[in-house]
């Protein structure tokens, strides 16, 4: 218990990173602007005349203004009580396309 090998907070499964349980208004605004920038890039590529499978798939995704707030800020997760968790709890969530969910969620 005491001495050189006494347990510290990290060793006792302490809190390593403080992840808030909900997004702040600033982080929500940044997420919305990120989605708008992606929509602008998809539209610019489409207007340039390029055709590929990835672009066809990207055009099927809903645009930022078409998405409900629930889909903008949360993601389906089968392991969470209400089947939804905050988008910021997903690793590397700013790099992923998280615009679609299973039917009914």
N, C-alpha and C. Protein backbone atom coordinates (compact mmCIF):
# COMPACT_ATOMS: atom_id res chain seq x y z
N UNK A 1 0.82 -1.18 0.00
CA UNK A 1 0.00 0.00 0.00
C UNK A 1 0.87 1.25 0.00
N UNK A 2 1.90 1.25 0.85
CA UNK A 2 2.78 2.42 0.91
C UNK A 2 4.13 2.03 0.34
N UNK A 3 4.93 3.00 -0.01
CA UNK A 3 6.25 2.70 -0.53
C UNK A 3 6.37 3.06 -2.00
N UNK A 4 7.36 2.46 -2.66
CA UNK A 4 7.66 2.81 -4.03
C UNK A 4 6.57 2.37 -4.99
N UNK A 5 5.81 1.32 -4.66
CA UNK A 5 4.83 0.79 -5.59
C UNK A 5 3.41 1.04 -5.14
N UNK A 6 3.18 2.14 -4.45
CA UNK A 6 1.82 2.44 -4.02
C UNK A 6 0.99 2.85 -5.26
N UNK A 7 -0.29 2.52 -5.26
CA UNK A 7 -1.12 2.81 -6.44
C UNK A 7 -1.36 4.30 -6.61
N UNK A 8 -1.24 4.75 -7.82
CA UNK A 8 -1.54 6.15 -8.13
C UNK A 8 -2.92 6.20 -8.79
N UNK A 9 -3.36 7.40 -9.13
CA UNK A 9 -4.67 7.55 -9.76
C UNK A 9 -4.72 6.85 -11.10
N UNK A 10 -3.64 6.93 -11.88
CA UNK A 10 -3.61 6.28 -13.17
C UNK A 10 -3.62 4.77 -12.99
N UNK A 11 -2.87 4.29 -12.02
CA UNK A 11 -2.84 2.85 -11.78
C UNK A 11 -4.17 2.32 -11.27
N UNK A 12 -4.97 3.16 -10.68
CA UNK A 12 -6.27 2.75 -10.17
C UNK A 12 -7.39 3.06 -11.17
N UNK A 13 -7.06 3.07 -12.45
CA UNK A 13 -8.03 3.37 -13.51
C UNK A 13 -8.59 4.76 -13.35
N UNK A 14 -7.73 5.68 -13.04
CA UNK A 14 -8.16 7.06 -12.88
C UNK A 14 -8.52 7.70 -14.20
N UNK A 15 -9.02 8.90 -14.14
CA UNK A 15 -9.45 9.64 -15.32
C UNK A 15 -8.22 10.17 -16.05
N UNK A 16 -7.98 9.66 -17.25
CA UNK A 16 -6.82 10.10 -18.01
C UNK A 16 -7.14 11.30 -18.90
N UNK A 17 -8.27 11.25 -19.58
CA UNK A 17 -8.68 12.35 -20.45
C UNK A 17 -10.08 12.78 -20.04
N UNK A 18 -10.27 14.05 -19.97
CA UNK A 18 -11.58 14.57 -19.61
C UNK A 18 -12.38 14.80 -20.89
N UNK A 19 -13.29 13.90 -21.17
CA UNK A 19 -14.17 14.04 -22.32
C UNK A 19 -15.53 14.48 -21.80
N UNK A 20 -16.01 15.66 -22.20
CA UNK A 20 -17.30 16.11 -21.70
C UNK A 20 -18.42 15.21 -22.20
N UNK A 21 -19.50 15.12 -21.46
CA UNK A 21 -20.59 14.22 -21.83
C UNK A 21 -21.43 14.79 -22.96
N UNK A 22 -21.33 16.08 -23.23
CA UNK A 22 -22.02 16.66 -24.37
C UNK A 22 -21.13 17.70 -25.03
N UNK A 23 -21.43 18.00 -26.28
CA UNK A 23 -20.65 18.97 -27.03
C UNK A 23 -20.99 20.39 -26.57
N UNK A 24 -19.99 21.22 -26.48
CA UNK A 24 -20.22 22.63 -26.17
C UNK A 24 -20.75 23.33 -27.42
N UNK A 25 -21.39 24.49 -27.27
CA UNK A 25 -21.88 25.22 -28.45
C UNK A 25 -20.77 25.54 -29.46
N UNK A 26 -19.58 25.81 -28.97
CA UNK A 26 -18.47 26.10 -29.88
C UNK A 26 -18.09 24.87 -30.69
N UNK A 27 -18.02 23.71 -30.04
CA UNK A 27 -17.67 22.49 -30.77
C UNK A 27 -18.78 22.08 -31.73
N UNK A 28 -20.04 22.36 -31.36
CA UNK A 28 -21.14 22.10 -32.29
C UNK A 28 -21.02 22.99 -33.53
N UNK A 29 -20.71 24.26 -33.32
CA UNK A 29 -20.55 25.17 -34.45
C UNK A 29 -19.39 24.73 -35.34
N UNK A 30 -18.31 24.29 -34.74
CA UNK A 30 -17.17 23.80 -35.53
C UNK A 30 -17.54 22.55 -36.32
N UNK A 31 -18.33 21.67 -35.73
CA UNK A 31 -18.77 20.46 -36.43
C UNK A 31 -19.66 20.82 -37.61
N UNK A 32 -20.58 21.78 -37.41
CA UNK A 32 -21.44 22.22 -38.51
C UNK A 32 -20.63 22.85 -39.63
N UNK A 33 -19.67 23.69 -39.28
CA UNK A 33 -18.87 24.33 -40.33
C UNK A 33 -18.02 23.30 -41.06
N UNK A 34 -17.56 22.27 -40.36
CA UNK A 34 -16.80 21.20 -41.01
C UNK A 34 -17.67 20.46 -42.01
N UNK A 35 -18.91 20.16 -41.62
CA UNK A 35 -19.84 19.50 -42.54
C UNK A 35 -20.12 20.37 -43.76
N UNK A 36 -20.28 21.68 -43.56
CA UNK A 36 -20.54 22.60 -44.68
C UNK A 36 -19.35 22.66 -45.63
N UNK A 37 -18.14 22.63 -45.08
CA UNK A 37 -16.95 22.64 -45.93
C UNK A 37 -16.85 21.37 -46.76
N UNK A 38 -17.19 20.24 -46.17
CA UNK A 38 -17.18 18.97 -46.91
C UNK A 38 -18.23 19.02 -48.02
N UNK A 39 -19.42 19.56 -47.71
CA UNK A 39 -20.46 19.69 -48.73
C UNK A 39 -19.99 20.57 -49.88
N UNK A 40 -19.27 21.65 -49.57
CA UNK A 40 -18.78 22.55 -50.61
C UNK A 40 -17.76 21.85 -51.50
N UNK A 41 -16.89 21.04 -50.92
CA UNK A 41 -15.89 20.31 -51.71
C UNK A 41 -16.57 19.29 -52.61
N UNK A 42 -17.56 18.57 -52.07
CA UNK A 42 -18.28 17.58 -52.88
C UNK A 42 -18.98 18.26 -54.05
N UNK A 43 -19.60 19.40 -53.79
CA UNK A 43 -20.28 20.14 -54.86
C UNK A 43 -19.30 20.66 -55.90
N UNK A 44 -18.14 21.12 -55.47
CA UNK A 44 -17.13 21.64 -56.41
C UNK A 44 -16.59 20.52 -57.29
N UNK A 45 -16.37 19.35 -56.71
CA UNK A 45 -15.89 18.21 -57.50
C UNK A 45 -16.96 17.77 -58.49
N UNK A 46 -18.21 17.76 -58.05
CA UNK A 46 -19.30 17.39 -58.96
C UNK A 46 -19.41 18.37 -60.11
N UNK A 47 -19.28 19.67 -59.82
CA UNK A 47 -19.38 20.70 -60.85
C UNK A 47 -18.22 20.65 -61.83
N UNK A 48 -17.08 20.11 -61.41
CA UNK A 48 -15.92 20.05 -62.29
C UNK A 48 -16.06 18.97 -63.36
N UNK A 49 -17.01 18.06 -63.17
CA UNK A 49 -17.25 17.04 -64.17
C UNK A 49 -16.58 15.71 -63.90
N UNK A 50 -15.90 15.58 -62.79
CA UNK A 50 -15.25 14.32 -62.43
C UNK A 50 -16.33 13.31 -62.05
N UNK A 51 -16.14 12.06 -62.48
CA UNK A 51 -17.07 11.00 -62.11
C UNK A 51 -16.30 9.82 -61.56
N UNK A 52 -16.70 9.37 -60.38
CA UNK A 52 -16.10 8.19 -59.77
C UNK A 52 -17.08 7.61 -58.76
N UNK A 53 -16.80 6.42 -58.31
CA UNK A 53 -17.69 5.75 -57.38
C UNK A 53 -17.79 6.46 -56.04
N UNK A 54 -16.66 6.98 -55.55
CA UNK A 54 -16.67 7.68 -54.27
C UNK A 54 -17.52 8.94 -54.34
N UNK A 55 -17.47 9.63 -55.47
CA UNK A 55 -18.28 10.84 -55.63
C UNK A 55 -19.76 10.48 -55.71
N UNK A 56 -20.08 9.40 -56.39
CA UNK A 56 -21.48 8.96 -56.48
C UNK A 56 -22.01 8.63 -55.09
N UNK A 57 -21.19 7.98 -54.27
CA UNK A 57 -21.61 7.67 -52.90
C UNK A 57 -21.75 8.95 -52.07
N UNK A 58 -20.83 9.90 -52.25
CA UNK A 58 -20.87 11.14 -51.49
C UNK A 58 -22.09 11.97 -51.84
N UNK A 59 -22.55 11.89 -53.08
CA UNK A 59 -23.73 12.66 -53.47
C UNK A 59 -25.01 12.09 -52.87
N UNK A 60 -24.99 10.82 -52.46
CA UNK A 60 -26.16 10.21 -51.82
C UNK A 60 -26.30 10.62 -50.36
N UNK A 61 -25.22 11.08 -49.74
CA UNK A 61 -25.26 11.45 -48.33
C UNK A 61 -26.07 12.73 -48.15
N UNK A 62 -26.74 12.89 -47.00
CA UNK A 62 -27.48 14.13 -46.77
C UNK A 62 -26.53 15.30 -46.54
N UNK A 63 -26.96 16.47 -46.98
CA UNK A 63 -26.17 17.68 -46.75
C UNK A 63 -26.37 18.15 -45.31
N UNK A 64 -25.54 19.07 -44.88
CA UNK A 64 -25.58 19.52 -43.48
C UNK A 64 -26.93 20.11 -43.12
N UNK A 65 -27.52 20.90 -44.02
CA UNK A 65 -28.80 21.54 -43.70
C UNK A 65 -29.96 20.56 -43.75
N UNK A 66 -29.77 19.39 -44.36
CA UNK A 66 -30.81 18.37 -44.42
C UNK A 66 -30.78 17.42 -43.22
N UNK A 67 -29.69 17.43 -42.47
CA UNK A 67 -29.54 16.51 -41.35
C UNK A 67 -30.22 17.05 -40.10
N UNK A 68 -30.95 16.20 -39.37
CA UNK A 68 -31.47 16.65 -38.08
C UNK A 68 -30.33 16.77 -37.06
N UNK A 69 -30.56 17.55 -36.04
CA UNK A 69 -29.53 17.78 -35.03
C UNK A 69 -29.09 16.47 -34.38
N UNK A 70 -30.01 15.54 -34.23
CA UNK A 70 -29.68 14.25 -33.62
C UNK A 70 -28.59 13.54 -34.41
N UNK A 71 -28.64 13.64 -35.76
CA UNK A 71 -27.64 12.98 -36.59
C UNK A 71 -26.34 13.77 -36.68
N UNK A 72 -26.41 15.08 -36.49
CA UNK A 72 -25.20 15.90 -36.55
C UNK A 72 -24.31 15.67 -35.33
N UNK A 73 -24.93 15.49 -34.18
CA UNK A 73 -24.16 15.49 -32.93
C UNK A 73 -24.10 14.14 -32.22
N UNK A 74 -24.85 13.16 -32.70
CA UNK A 74 -24.80 11.83 -32.08
C UNK A 74 -24.64 10.77 -33.16
N UNK A 75 -24.26 9.59 -32.74
CA UNK A 75 -24.04 8.47 -33.66
C UNK A 75 -24.67 7.22 -33.05
N UNK A 76 -25.12 6.32 -33.90
CA UNK A 76 -25.68 5.06 -33.43
C UNK A 76 -24.57 4.22 -32.81
N UNK A 77 -24.86 3.65 -31.65
CA UNK A 77 -23.92 2.74 -31.00
C UNK A 77 -24.72 1.63 -30.33
N UNK A 78 -24.52 0.38 -30.73
CA UNK A 78 -25.32 -0.71 -30.14
C UNK A 78 -24.97 -0.99 -28.69
N UNK A 79 -23.86 -0.46 -28.20
CA UNK A 79 -23.41 -0.77 -26.84
C UNK A 79 -23.84 0.26 -25.81
N UNK A 80 -24.52 1.31 -26.23
CA UNK A 80 -24.94 2.37 -25.31
C UNK A 80 -26.41 2.19 -24.98
N UNK A 81 -26.82 2.62 -23.80
CA UNK A 81 -28.18 2.38 -23.30
C UNK A 81 -29.25 2.84 -24.28
N UNK A 82 -29.18 4.05 -24.76
CA UNK A 82 -30.19 4.56 -25.68
C UNK A 82 -29.83 4.38 -27.14
N UNK A 83 -28.82 3.59 -27.43
CA UNK A 83 -28.31 3.32 -28.78
C UNK A 83 -27.74 4.56 -29.46
N UNK A 84 -27.47 5.61 -28.73
CA UNK A 84 -26.87 6.82 -29.29
C UNK A 84 -25.78 7.29 -28.36
N UNK A 85 -24.69 7.78 -28.94
CA UNK A 85 -23.66 8.41 -28.11
C UNK A 85 -23.16 9.65 -28.83
N UNK A 86 -22.58 10.55 -28.07
CA UNK A 86 -22.09 11.79 -28.64
C UNK A 86 -21.04 11.53 -29.70
N UNK A 87 -21.09 12.33 -30.75
CA UNK A 87 -20.18 12.12 -31.87
C UNK A 87 -18.73 12.32 -31.44
N UNK A 88 -18.51 13.13 -30.42
CA UNK A 88 -17.14 13.39 -29.97
C UNK A 88 -16.56 12.23 -29.18
N UNK A 89 -17.36 11.22 -28.87
CA UNK A 89 -16.84 10.03 -28.19
C UNK A 89 -16.23 9.02 -29.16
N UNK A 90 -16.45 9.23 -30.46
CA UNK A 90 -15.91 8.34 -31.50
C UNK A 90 -14.46 8.72 -31.76
N UNK A 91 -13.55 7.76 -31.79
CA UNK A 91 -12.15 8.11 -32.09
C UNK A 91 -12.03 8.70 -33.49
N UNK A 92 -11.27 9.78 -33.60
CA UNK A 92 -11.02 10.47 -34.88
C UNK A 92 -12.32 10.86 -35.57
N UNK A 93 -13.29 11.36 -34.82
CA UNK A 93 -14.61 11.66 -35.37
C UNK A 93 -14.59 12.79 -36.39
N UNK A 94 -13.57 13.65 -36.37
CA UNK A 94 -13.52 14.74 -37.34
C UNK A 94 -13.11 14.24 -38.71
N UNK A 95 -12.54 13.04 -38.80
CA UNK A 95 -12.07 12.51 -40.08
C UNK A 95 -13.03 11.53 -40.70
N UNK A 96 -14.06 11.12 -39.98
CA UNK A 96 -14.97 10.09 -40.46
C UNK A 96 -16.24 10.68 -41.05
N UNK A 97 -16.86 9.94 -41.95
CA UNK A 97 -18.16 10.32 -42.49
C UNK A 97 -19.23 9.63 -41.65
N UNK A 98 -19.83 10.39 -40.77
CA UNK A 98 -20.80 9.84 -39.83
C UNK A 98 -22.19 10.40 -40.10
N UNK A 99 -22.58 10.47 -41.36
CA UNK A 99 -23.84 11.12 -41.70
C UNK A 99 -25.02 10.17 -41.76
N UNK A 100 -24.77 8.88 -41.82
CA UNK A 100 -25.89 7.94 -41.94
C UNK A 100 -25.93 7.02 -40.74
N UNK A 101 -27.12 6.55 -40.42
CA UNK A 101 -27.35 5.64 -39.31
C UNK A 101 -28.23 4.50 -39.79
N UNK A 102 -28.30 3.40 -39.04
CA UNK A 102 -29.23 2.32 -39.44
C UNK A 102 -30.67 2.81 -39.45
N UNK A 103 -31.52 2.15 -40.20
CA UNK A 103 -32.93 2.51 -40.28
C UNK A 103 -33.55 2.45 -38.88
N UNK A 104 -34.30 3.46 -38.53
CA UNK A 104 -34.97 3.50 -37.24
C UNK A 104 -34.18 4.19 -36.15
N UNK A 105 -32.95 4.56 -36.43
CA UNK A 105 -32.13 5.22 -35.42
C UNK A 105 -31.69 6.57 -35.94
